[in-house]
Amino acid sequence: MSKLSFLDFGFFIAETAASPKHVAGLLICKRPAKSTTAFARNLYREYLTHSDLKAPFDRVVEFSKTGMPSWKTATEVDLSQHIFFHRLPRGGNDRHALYAFVAKLHEPVLDRSRPLWEMHVIDGLADGRFALYQKIHHAYADGVTMSRWIAETMASDPDDLQVWPLWTQKHGGHAVKRRKAAQEVAQSVWKELADTTQRAMGVGRLAAMLLLEGAKLTKNAIALPFVSSAKTLLTGQVTAGRQFAATGIAMDRIGRIRDRTRSTVNHVALTCLDGALRRYLADQGVELKRPITIQMPVNLRREGDKSAGNKIGIVQVELSPPTDDPYVRLRNIGYSLRNVRAMMDSVAPVAIESYTILTGLVAQGAETFKLSDRLPPLSNAMVSNVPGPKEYLYIKGAKMEEMHPISTLPPSNLLNITLFSYAGTLYFGLVAAEGLPDLQGLAGHVQTAFDELHACILE
C-alpha cells in the first residue's frame, strides 16, 4: 500500500455529492472507412475483455483512523461496473445533446468501494461518429497526467489496430527500486529537511509579495486572493448538477497573432476569455470595474517526472482592467503573466504547493460551512492550460477528431475552463454548475473575442 499525499487527500476531504472531485476527457471519434455501424459497440465489447488492470486503476482508497489514507489493491474488479455503452437516439444526437449527456455522466460521485474510474462508449452521433468519455478521480492524477495517459493509449497510425485501454497500461511512478534501508532513510530525512527549509523560505517570500501588493507598493507582483467580487454569477456556493460546452480556435490563426505581437498561446487565450467573460457578464447585467481574477493551476513537476498523483500549484492571476481595445487587453494580460512567471521562478515548488493548500483550506472552509454566497471567493473562475498531442491519434483505426477536458469545480467557483491543444486546434472546455445561465453563449463569446483580437492585430 502507498499513502496519499496531503494534496491528493484534499480531493477526498473536499468531495461532496454537490461537488465531486473527478476529472474526465471527452474524445469525439470518426469510425474508420468501410466499418460497420456496430464499430463502437464492438469496441465496448473488446474493452470488457481487457481485465489485466494496472495501478492506479486497480486501487481503492482505504481510510485510516490514525493516519493518512492509503491506496490498496482491489481484490476483485468487475469491469461491467466501470465500462458502459450508450446510444443516443435519432433527433437527440447532435453536439449539444452530446454535451448535455456527458454533463449528466459527470455529475455523480465515483463509488469509493471500487477503483475510481469509468469509461463510457457513446454511439449514435451523426455522420458515423462516436464518443468516449473517460472519468477518473482527481486523486489518481492531475489534468496534465491524464492527458498524457490518454495519448499513450492511442495510436499515431490509422493502420495500427491494437487496443491499449487506459486501465491496462503501466503508468509511471508506481515502481519503487530496492535500496539499502539506511541509505533510503538518510535520503528521505535529507529531502524532508531541504523541502522544509525551501517551503518556509518560499512561503515567507510569497507572504511578503502579498503584503506589498495589498499595500499597493507593487503592481501585479502576485494577484491577491479573496478580493474578487462576490456579486457575479460566476461565484458562490457550488451546487449539484453540471453543464458542459466547448469551442475551438485554429492554432495557425493564434500563431499569426503570436508572431505579430510576440505573445504566447496563453496570452492570446486569456485575452479571449477576459473579453468573453466581460461580455457574458454584461449580458447578465453585471459590469465589473476591476480586473477579473482567475485561479491558474501550474505544473510543479520536474522535467521527465511521469509519476501519478497531483503535483500542481494554484496561483491567482489578475487579467486586464476594463478596456474595449483587444490589443490593450492582450498587453495588460501579457504583463500580468510575466510577473506571475517571475514570481513562480523566484520560489521553490514546495512553497507554491503550501500556498495552494493554505488558500484552498480557507476556500474549502467557506464551502463546507455554506458561506460561499456571502464571502469573497478566491477568484472569479478557474482556468487551466493543458498541452496535448500535436498530431491526430487513432483508436482501432478510428480518428480522434476532438479531445475535450472536463474538470471539477473548485470551492466558490461555478465555472472552470480548461484549455487543451490537440492536432492544430486550441479547445476551450467549459464546465459549470447547472444554474449558471447560457453557458453555450459564453462559448460563443470566446469566438467573438478572438475574431475581434484577430481583426485588431491583423486586418
Protein backbone atom coordinates (compact mmCIF):
# COMPACT_ATOMS: atom_id res chain seq x y z
CA MET A 1 0.00 0.00 0.00
CA SER A 2 1.10 3.61 -0.54
CA LYS A 3 -0.09 6.61 1.44
CA LEU A 4 -1.80 9.53 -0.27
CA SER A 5 -0.07 12.88 -0.36
CA PHE A 6 -1.84 15.67 1.52
CA LEU A 7 -2.77 17.29 -1.79
CA ASP A 8 -4.34 14.07 -3.11
CA PHE A 9 -6.10 13.51 0.22
CA GLY A 10 -7.51 17.02 -0.08
CA PHE A 11 -9.66 15.96 -3.01
CA PHE A 12 -11.40 13.42 -0.78
CA ILE A 13 -11.82 15.93 2.04
CA ALA A 14 -13.41 18.44 -0.33
CA GLU A 15 -15.63 15.96 -2.17
CA THR A 16 -19.39 16.06 -1.66
CA ALA A 17 -22.40 14.96 -3.70
CA ALA A 18 -22.78 18.56 -4.86
CA SER A 19 -19.07 18.91 -5.65
CA PRO A 20 -17.49 15.67 -6.98
CA LYS A 21 -13.72 15.70 -7.42
CA HIS A 22 -13.12 13.78 -10.61
CA VAL A 23 -11.79 14.86 -14.00
CA ALA A 24 -12.67 13.49 -17.41
CA GLY A 25 -11.87 13.56 -21.09
CA LEU A 26 -14.38 13.60 -23.94
CA LEU A 27 -12.97 12.11 -27.14
CA ILE A 28 -15.00 12.52 -30.34
CA CYS A 29 -14.03 9.96 -32.97
CA LYS A 30 -14.89 9.14 -36.58
CA ARG A 31 -15.47 5.49 -37.50
CA PRO A 32 -12.95 4.08 -40.00
CA ALA A 33 -13.96 3.94 -43.65
CA LYS A 34 -15.88 0.78 -44.55
CA SER A 35 -16.52 -0.06 -40.89
CA THR A 36 -19.98 -1.19 -39.84
CA THR A 37 -22.44 0.66 -37.62
CA ALA A 38 -21.55 -1.84 -34.87
CA PHE A 39 -17.98 -0.45 -34.61
CA ALA A 40 -18.50 1.38 -31.30
CA ARG A 41 -20.43 -1.48 -29.70
CA ASN A 42 -17.73 -3.93 -30.76
CA LEU A 43 -15.10 -1.62 -29.26
CA TYR A 44 -17.07 -1.62 -26.00
CA ARG A 45 -17.20 -5.42 -26.01
CA GLU A 46 -13.47 -5.58 -26.64
CA TYR A 47 -12.84 -3.22 -23.73
CA LEU A 48 -14.65 -5.65 -21.43
CA THR A 49 -12.14 -8.38 -22.28
CA HIS A 50 -9.16 -6.32 -21.08
CA SER A 51 -9.21 -7.34 -17.40
CA ASP A 52 -5.48 -7.10 -16.55
CA LEU A 53 -5.65 -3.85 -14.60
CA LYS A 54 -2.59 -1.83 -13.67
CA ALA A 55 -2.10 0.82 -11.00
CA PRO A 56 -3.73 3.13 -10.23
CA PHE A 57 -6.80 1.64 -11.93
CA ASP A 58 -6.75 -1.45 -9.70
CA ARG A 59 -6.58 0.57 -6.48
CA VAL A 60 -9.17 1.64 -3.93
CA VAL A 61 -8.75 4.16 -1.16
CA GLU A 62 -8.57 2.86 2.41
CA PHE A 63 -9.16 5.40 5.16
CA SER A 64 -7.32 5.11 8.46
CA LYS A 65 -8.48 6.20 11.91
CA THR A 66 -4.94 7.05 12.98
CA GLY A 67 -3.19 8.49 9.93
CA MET A 68 -3.31 9.37 6.27
CA PRO A 69 -5.40 7.13 4.00
CA SER A 70 -3.65 4.70 1.67
CA TRP A 71 -4.12 3.11 -1.72
CA LYS A 72 -4.60 -0.65 -1.66
CA THR A 73 -5.01 -3.13 -4.50
CA ALA A 74 -8.62 -4.25 -5.02
CA THR A 75 -9.16 -7.97 -4.54
CA GLU A 76 -11.58 -8.11 -7.47
CA VAL A 77 -12.74 -5.66 -10.14
CA ASP A 78 -15.97 -6.13 -12.09
CA LEU A 79 -15.43 -4.33 -15.39
CA SER A 80 -19.16 -4.11 -16.02
CA GLN A 81 -19.24 -1.60 -13.13
CA HIS A 82 -16.63 0.57 -14.86
CA ILE A 83 -17.24 0.26 -18.62
CA PHE A 84 -20.58 1.27 -20.13
CA PHE A 85 -22.25 1.54 -23.54
CA HIS A 86 -24.82 4.17 -24.56
CA ARG A 87 -26.54 5.05 -27.81
CA LEU A 88 -28.01 8.49 -28.37
CA PRO A 89 -31.39 8.48 -30.13
CA ARG A 90 -32.01 9.97 -33.55
CA GLY A 91 -33.12 13.55 -33.18
CA GLY A 92 -31.16 13.78 -29.93
CA ASN A 93 -27.66 13.08 -31.18
CA ASP A 94 -26.24 16.47 -32.17
CA ARG A 95 -23.33 18.20 -30.44
CA HIS A 96 -25.47 19.95 -27.85
CA ALA A 97 -27.21 16.68 -26.99
CA LEU A 98 -23.81 15.01 -26.55
CA TYR A 99 -22.61 17.80 -24.26
CA ALA A 100 -25.79 17.56 -22.17
CA PHE A 101 -25.49 13.76 -21.94
CA VAL A 102 -21.84 13.92 -20.88
CA ALA A 103 -22.66 16.61 -18.30
CA LYS A 104 -25.11 14.16 -16.69
CA LEU A 105 -22.42 11.46 -16.66
CA HIS A 106 -20.09 13.96 -14.99
CA GLU A 107 -22.44 14.65 -12.05
CA PRO A 108 -22.30 11.52 -9.83
CA VAL A 109 -19.55 10.91 -7.30
CA LEU A 110 -17.43 7.84 -8.04
CA ASP A 111 -18.06 4.87 -5.74
CA ARG A 112 -15.16 4.70 -3.24
CA SER A 113 -15.70 0.97 -2.65
CA ARG A 114 -14.38 0.36 -6.19
CA PRO A 115 -11.41 1.68 -8.19
CA LEU A 116 -12.22 5.29 -9.02
CA TRP A 117 -12.64 5.34 -12.80
CA GLU A 118 -15.22 4.82 -15.56
CA MET A 119 -15.21 4.50 -19.34
CA HIS A 120 -18.36 5.30 -21.36
CA VAL A 121 -18.68 4.46 -25.07
CA ILE A 122 -21.32 6.75 -26.61
CA ASP A 123 -22.64 5.69 -30.02
CA GLY A 124 -25.19 7.15 -32.40
CA LEU A 125 -23.61 10.53 -33.18
CA ALA A 126 -24.22 11.98 -36.64
CA ASP A 127 -22.04 11.17 -39.66
CA GLY A 128 -20.55 7.94 -38.36
CA ARG A 129 -19.11 9.40 -35.18
CA PHE A 130 -18.97 8.11 -31.62
CA ALA A 131 -17.51 9.42 -28.39
CA LEU A 132 -15.52 8.12 -25.43
CA TYR A 133 -16.00 9.71 -22.02
CA GLN A 134 -13.24 8.70 -19.57
CA LYS A 135 -13.63 9.68 -15.94
CA ILE A 136 -11.11 9.28 -13.09
CA HIS A 137 -10.83 10.66 -9.59
CA HIS A 138 -8.60 13.71 -9.26
CA ALA A 139 -6.61 11.92 -6.53
CA TYR A 140 -5.38 9.49 -9.22
CA ALA A 141 -3.90 12.19 -11.45
CA ASP A 142 -3.89 15.84 -12.41
CA GLY A 143 -5.01 17.08 -15.84
CA VAL A 144 -1.54 17.06 -17.39
CA THR A 145 -1.01 13.45 -16.31
CA MET A 146 -4.41 12.28 -17.51
CA SER A 147 -3.84 13.89 -20.90
CA ARG A 148 -0.52 12.09 -21.24
CA TRP A 149 -2.04 8.78 -20.18
CA ILE A 150 -4.82 9.05 -22.76
CA ALA A 151 -2.37 9.95 -25.52
CA GLU A 152 -0.21 6.94 -24.62
CA THR A 153 -3.15 4.60 -25.21
CA MET A 154 -3.82 5.88 -28.73
CA ALA A 155 -2.07 5.02 -31.99
CA SER A 156 -0.40 7.54 -34.30
CA ASP A 157 -1.06 5.32 -37.33
CA PRO A 158 -4.62 4.54 -38.52
CA ASP A 159 -3.43 1.10 -39.65
CA ASP A 160 -2.43 0.18 -36.11
CA LEU A 161 -5.50 -1.72 -34.89
CA GLN A 162 -4.27 -2.83 -31.48
CA VAL A 163 -6.21 -1.54 -28.48
CA TRP A 164 -4.40 -0.36 -25.32
CA PRO A 165 -7.09 0.53 -22.76
CA LEU A 166 -6.12 3.17 -20.22
CA TRP A 167 -6.61 0.84 -17.27
CA THR A 168 -4.26 -1.88 -18.58
CA GLN A 169 -1.16 0.24 -19.10
CA LYS A 170 1.72 0.73 -16.69
CA HIS A 171 1.85 4.36 -15.68
CA GLY A 172 4.98 5.94 -14.20
CA GLY A 173 5.51 6.48 -10.55
CA HIS A 174 4.40 3.14 -9.09
CA ALA A 175 7.53 1.00 -9.37
CA VAL A 176 9.93 1.52 -6.48
CA LYS A 177 13.52 0.33 -6.80
CA ARG A 178 15.01 -1.52 -3.84
CA ARG A 179 17.67 0.37 -1.94
CA LYS A 180 19.55 -0.29 1.25
CA ALA A 181 17.35 0.67 4.18
CA ALA A 182 19.90 3.01 5.77
CA GLN A 183 20.53 4.85 2.50
CA GLU A 184 16.80 5.22 1.85
CA VAL A 185 16.14 6.63 5.32
CA ALA A 186 19.06 9.06 5.07
CA GLN A 187 17.91 10.30 1.69
CA SER A 188 14.33 10.68 2.94
CA VAL A 189 15.41 12.68 6.01
CA TRP A 190 17.71 14.92 3.96
CA LYS A 191 14.98 15.57 1.40
CA GLU A 192 12.47 16.39 4.13
CA LEU A 193 14.86 18.88 5.73
CA ALA A 194 15.62 20.51 2.38
CA ASP A 195 11.92 20.70 1.48
CA THR A 196 11.04 22.19 4.88
CA THR A 197 13.69 24.89 4.50
CA GLN A 198 12.65 25.72 0.96
CA ARG A 199 8.98 25.67 1.97
CA ALA A 200 9.50 28.10 4.86
CA MET A 201 11.64 30.49 2.81
CA GLY A 202 9.27 30.36 -0.16
CA VAL A 203 6.10 30.90 1.88
CA GLY A 204 7.80 33.84 3.60
CA ARG A 205 8.69 35.35 0.25
CA LEU A 206 5.14 34.87 -1.03
CA ALA A 207 3.73 36.47 2.12
CA ALA A 208 5.99 39.49 1.62
CA MET A 209 4.83 39.80 -2.00
CA LEU A 210 1.19 39.70 -0.90
CA LEU A 211 1.77 42.34 1.77
CA LEU A 212 3.46 44.66 -0.73
CA GLU A 213 0.66 44.11 -3.23
CA GLY A 214 -2.01 44.69 -0.58
CA ALA A 215 -0.31 47.95 0.46
CA LYS A 216 -0.22 48.97 -3.24
CA LEU A 217 3.57 49.21 -3.17
CA THR A 218 3.82 46.82 -6.11
CA LYS A 219 1.60 46.18 -9.11
CA ASN A 220 0.65 42.61 -10.01
CA ALA A 221 3.69 41.04 -8.38
CA ILE A 222 1.11 38.42 -7.42
CA ALA A 223 -2.66 38.78 -7.55
CA LEU A 224 -4.30 38.93 -4.13
CA PRO A 225 -6.63 36.06 -3.22
CA PHE A 226 -10.13 36.66 -1.83
CA VAL A 227 -10.53 40.13 -3.34
CA SER A 228 -12.69 39.15 -6.32
CA SER A 229 -16.22 40.50 -6.45
CA ALA A 230 -18.67 38.08 -4.81
CA LYS A 231 -21.57 39.63 -6.71
CA THR A 232 -21.17 37.91 -10.07
CA LEU A 233 -22.99 34.85 -11.38
CA LEU A 234 -19.64 33.07 -11.67
CA THR A 235 -19.11 32.59 -7.93
CA GLY A 236 -21.00 31.31 -4.93
CA GLN A 237 -21.90 28.05 -3.22
CA VAL A 238 -21.26 25.13 -5.57
CA THR A 239 -24.46 23.13 -6.08
CA ALA A 240 -25.30 19.78 -7.67
CA GLY A 241 -25.81 19.46 -11.43
CA ARG A 242 -23.35 20.14 -14.24
CA GLN A 243 -23.37 21.51 -17.76
CA PHE A 244 -20.67 21.45 -20.41
CA ALA A 245 -19.90 23.48 -23.51
CA ALA A 246 -16.88 23.74 -25.78
CA THR A 247 -15.43 25.72 -28.64
CA GLY A 248 -12.18 25.65 -30.57
CA ILE A 249 -9.83 28.03 -32.39
CA ALA A 250 -7.31 27.00 -35.05
CA MET A 251 -3.74 27.18 -33.77
CA ASP A 252 -2.46 28.68 -37.01
CA ARG A 253 -4.75 31.70 -36.50
CA ILE A 254 -3.47 32.03 -32.94
CA GLY A 255 0.07 31.64 -34.26
CA ARG A 256 -0.28 34.64 -36.57
CA ILE A 257 -1.27 36.83 -33.63
CA ARG A 258 1.60 35.43 -31.56
CA ASP A 259 4.13 36.22 -34.28
CA ARG A 260 2.87 39.76 -34.79
CA THR A 261 2.66 40.66 -31.08
CA ARG A 262 5.45 38.48 -29.63
CA SER A 263 2.98 36.91 -27.26
CA THR A 264 2.23 33.31 -26.24
CA VAL A 265 -0.73 30.96 -26.73
CA ASN A 266 -1.63 31.55 -23.10
CA HIS A 267 -1.63 35.33 -23.58
CA VAL A 268 -3.97 35.07 -26.58
CA ALA A 269 -6.28 32.53 -24.94
CA LEU A 270 -6.65 34.52 -21.72
CA THR A 271 -7.28 37.69 -23.74
CA CYS A 272 -10.17 35.90 -25.46
CA LEU A 273 -11.51 34.63 -22.14
CA ASP A 274 -11.24 38.04 -20.49
CA GLY A 275 -13.22 39.65 -23.31
CA ALA A 276 -15.73 36.77 -23.38
CA LEU A 277 -16.33 36.80 -19.63
CA ARG A 278 -16.89 40.56 -19.59
CA ARG A 279 -19.35 40.35 -22.48
CA TYR A 280 -21.11 37.41 -20.83
CA LEU A 281 -21.44 39.28 -17.52
CA ALA A 282 -22.70 42.36 -19.36
CA ASP A 283 -25.40 40.19 -20.95
CA GLN A 284 -26.46 39.28 -17.40
CA GLY A 285 -26.47 42.91 -16.28
CA VAL A 286 -23.13 42.82 -14.42
CA GLU A 287 -20.27 45.23 -15.12
CA LEU A 288 -17.01 44.73 -13.23
CA LYS A 289 -14.97 47.87 -12.60
CA ARG A 290 -11.86 45.93 -11.58
CA PRO A 291 -9.86 43.23 -13.38
CA ILE A 292 -11.21 39.70 -13.48
CA THR A 293 -9.10 37.38 -11.33
CA ILE A 294 -8.64 33.73 -12.22
CA GLN A 295 -7.16 30.75 -10.44
CA MET A 296 -4.49 29.19 -12.65
CA PRO A 297 -3.09 25.71 -11.91
CA VAL A 298 0.62 25.38 -12.69
CA ASN A 299 2.59 22.21 -13.22
CA LEU A 300 5.19 21.65 -10.46
CA ARG A 301 6.71 18.51 -11.96
CA ARG A 302 10.37 18.37 -12.82
CA GLU A 303 11.36 17.55 -16.38
CA GLY A 304 10.82 13.84 -17.03
CA ASP A 305 8.63 13.27 -13.95
CA LYS A 306 5.90 10.82 -15.02
CA SER A 307 4.58 9.87 -11.60
CA ALA A 308 0.90 9.60 -10.78
CA GLY A 309 -0.97 11.76 -8.28
CA ASN A 310 -1.06 15.54 -8.29
CA LYS A 311 1.91 17.88 -8.47
CA ILE A 312 0.25 21.20 -9.14
CA GLY A 313 0.07 24.59 -7.55
CA ILE A 314 -2.69 27.15 -7.96
CA VAL A 315 -1.97 30.87 -8.09
CA GLN A 316 -4.25 33.84 -8.66
CA VAL A 317 -3.75 35.84 -11.85
CA GLU A 318 -5.22 39.28 -12.48
CA LEU A 319 -6.36 39.78 -16.07
CA SER A 320 -6.88 43.14 -17.75
CA PRO A 321 -8.51 46.25 -16.32
CA PRO A 322 -11.72 47.09 -18.22
CA THR A 323 -11.00 48.14 -21.82
CA ASP A 324 -12.70 47.93 -25.20
CA ASP A 325 -9.38 47.62 -27.04
CA PRO A 326 -8.40 43.94 -27.60
CA TYR A 327 -4.75 44.84 -28.17
CA VAL A 328 -4.54 46.75 -24.89
CA ARG A 329 -6.19 43.78 -23.18
CA LEU A 330 -3.56 41.46 -24.68
CA ARG A 331 -0.72 43.67 -23.49
CA ASN A 332 -2.15 44.00 -19.98
CA ILE A 333 -2.53 40.24 -19.65
CA GLY A 334 0.96 39.65 -21.02
CA TYR A 335 2.36 42.00 -18.37
CA SER A 336 0.43 40.21 -15.62
CA LEU A 337 1.51 36.73 -16.74
CA ARG A 338 5.16 37.73 -16.98
CA ASN A 339 5.03 38.96 -13.39
CA VAL A 340 3.42 35.71 -12.28
CA ARG A 341 6.12 33.74 -14.12
CA ALA A 342 8.84 35.78 -12.41
CA MET A 343 7.22 35.11 -9.04
CA MET A 344 6.99 31.37 -9.78
CA ASP A 345 10.67 31.25 -10.71
CA SER A 346 11.70 33.02 -7.51
CA VAL A 347 10.31 30.46 -5.03
CA ALA A 348 10.60 26.70 -4.63
CA PRO A 349 7.77 24.47 -5.95
CA VAL A 350 7.10 23.18 -2.42
CA ALA A 351 6.29 26.76 -1.37
CA ILE A 352 3.75 27.11 -4.19
CA GLU A 353 2.25 23.79 -3.08
CA SER A 354 1.98 25.05 0.53
CA TYR A 355 0.40 28.31 -0.65
CA THR A 356 -2.12 26.28 -2.68
CA ILE A 357 -3.03 24.13 0.31
CA LEU A 358 -3.40 27.11 2.69
CA THR A 359 -5.60 29.21 0.39
CA GLY A 360 -7.52 26.10 -0.63
CA LEU A 361 -8.29 25.26 3.01
CA VAL A 362 -9.73 28.75 3.57
CA ALA A 363 -11.90 28.48 0.44
CA GLN A 364 -12.97 24.95 1.35
CA GLY A 365 -13.90 26.08 4.85
CA ALA A 366 -16.28 28.66 3.39
CA GLU A 367 -17.73 26.00 1.08
CA THR A 368 -18.16 23.45 3.89
CA PHE A 369 -19.98 25.90 6.16
CA LYS A 370 -22.07 27.17 3.21
CA LEU A 371 -20.65 30.68 3.36
CA SER A 372 -19.51 30.92 -0.27
CA ASP A 373 -22.52 33.04 -1.23
CA ARG A 374 -21.51 35.67 1.33
CA LEU A 375 -17.72 35.65 1.47
CA PRO A 376 -15.37 36.79 -1.32
CA PRO A 377 -14.14 33.88 -3.45
CA LEU A 378 -10.52 33.07 -4.25
CA SER A 379 -11.17 34.26 -7.81
CA ASN A 380 -13.88 34.79 -10.42
CA ALA A 381 -13.14 31.50 -12.24
CA MET A 382 -10.53 28.80 -12.68
CA VAL A 383 -8.64 28.49 -15.97
CA SER A 384 -6.17 25.67 -16.77
CA ASN A 385 -3.98 25.14 -19.82
CA VAL A 386 -3.10 21.52 -20.67
CA PRO A 387 -0.86 20.79 -23.66
CA GLY A 388 -2.00 17.89 -25.83
CA PRO A 389 -0.75 15.87 -28.82
CA LYS A 390 0.15 17.89 -31.91
CA GLU A 391 -0.91 15.20 -34.41
CA TYR A 392 -4.13 13.23 -34.83
CA LEU A 393 -4.37 9.99 -32.88
CA TYR A 394 -6.38 6.83 -33.63
CA ILE A 395 -8.11 4.05 -31.80
CA LYS A 396 -8.52 0.82 -33.76
CA GLY A 397 -8.38 2.88 -36.96
CA ALA A 398 -10.95 5.45 -35.79
CA LYS A 399 -9.66 9.00 -35.99
CA MET A 400 -9.91 11.00 -32.78
CA GLU A 401 -11.11 14.32 -34.20
CA GLU A 402 -11.52 16.24 -30.95
CA MET A 403 -10.38 15.90 -27.35
CA HIS A 404 -12.06 17.94 -24.61
CA PRO A 405 -11.09 18.01 -20.92
CA ILE A 406 -13.92 18.21 -18.37
CA SER A 407 -12.74 19.29 -14.95
CA THR A 408 -14.14 19.76 -11.45
CA LEU A 409 -15.43 22.91 -9.78
CA PRO A 410 -13.25 24.40 -7.02
CA PRO A 411 -14.84 25.91 -3.88
CA SER A 412 -16.87 29.08 -4.54
CA ASN A 413 -16.37 28.89 -8.34
CA LEU A 414 -19.30 27.94 -10.55
CA LEU A 415 -17.17 27.88 -13.72
CA ASN A 416 -14.00 26.03 -14.64
CA ILE A 417 -12.39 26.47 -18.07
CA THR A 418 -9.70 24.16 -19.41
CA LEU A 419 -7.65 25.00 -22.49
CA PHE A 420 -6.44 21.96 -24.41
CA SER A 421 -4.38 21.95 -27.60
CA TYR A 422 -4.83 19.00 -29.94
CA ALA A 423 -3.95 18.43 -33.61
CA GLY A 424 -3.84 22.09 -34.62
CA THR A 425 -6.79 23.34 -32.54
CA LEU A 426 -6.96 25.01 -29.15
CA TYR A 427 -10.13 23.78 -27.41
CA PHE A 428 -11.90 25.68 -24.64
CA GLY A 429 -13.77 23.24 -22.38
CA LEU A 430 -16.28 24.94 -20.08
CA VAL A 431 -17.82 23.05 -17.15
CA ALA A 432 -20.23 24.87 -14.88
CA ALA A 433 -22.83 24.42 -12.19
CA GLU A 434 -26.25 23.69 -13.62
CA GLY A 435 -27.65 27.03 -12.51
CA LEU A 436 -25.18 29.18 -14.47
CA PRO A 437 -27.21 30.72 -17.32
CA ASP A 438 -26.36 30.44 -21.04
CA LEU A 439 -23.06 28.57 -20.86
CA GLN A 440 -23.16 27.99 -24.62
CA GLY A 441 -23.48 31.75 -25.07
CA LEU A 442 -20.22 32.18 -23.15
CA ALA A 443 -18.54 29.71 -25.53
CA GLY A 444 -19.81 31.83 -28.43
CA HIS A 445 -18.36 34.96 -26.83
CA VAL A 446 -14.91 33.30 -26.84
CA GLN A 447 -15.11 33.08 -30.63
CA THR A 448 -16.30 36.68 -30.89
CA ALA A 449 -13.48 37.92 -28.65
CA PHE A 450 -10.90 36.08 -30.75
CA ASP A 451 -12.33 37.47 -34.01
CA GLU A 452 -12.11 40.99 -32.58
CA LEU A 453 -8.50 40.45 -31.49
CA HIS A 454 -7.63 38.94 -34.88
CA ALA A 455 -9.17 41.90 -36.72
CA CYS A 456 -7.44 44.39 -34.41
CA ILE A 457 -4.00 42.86 -34.93
CA LEU A 458 -4.02 41.50 -38.49
CA GLU A 459 -6.72 43.21 -40.53
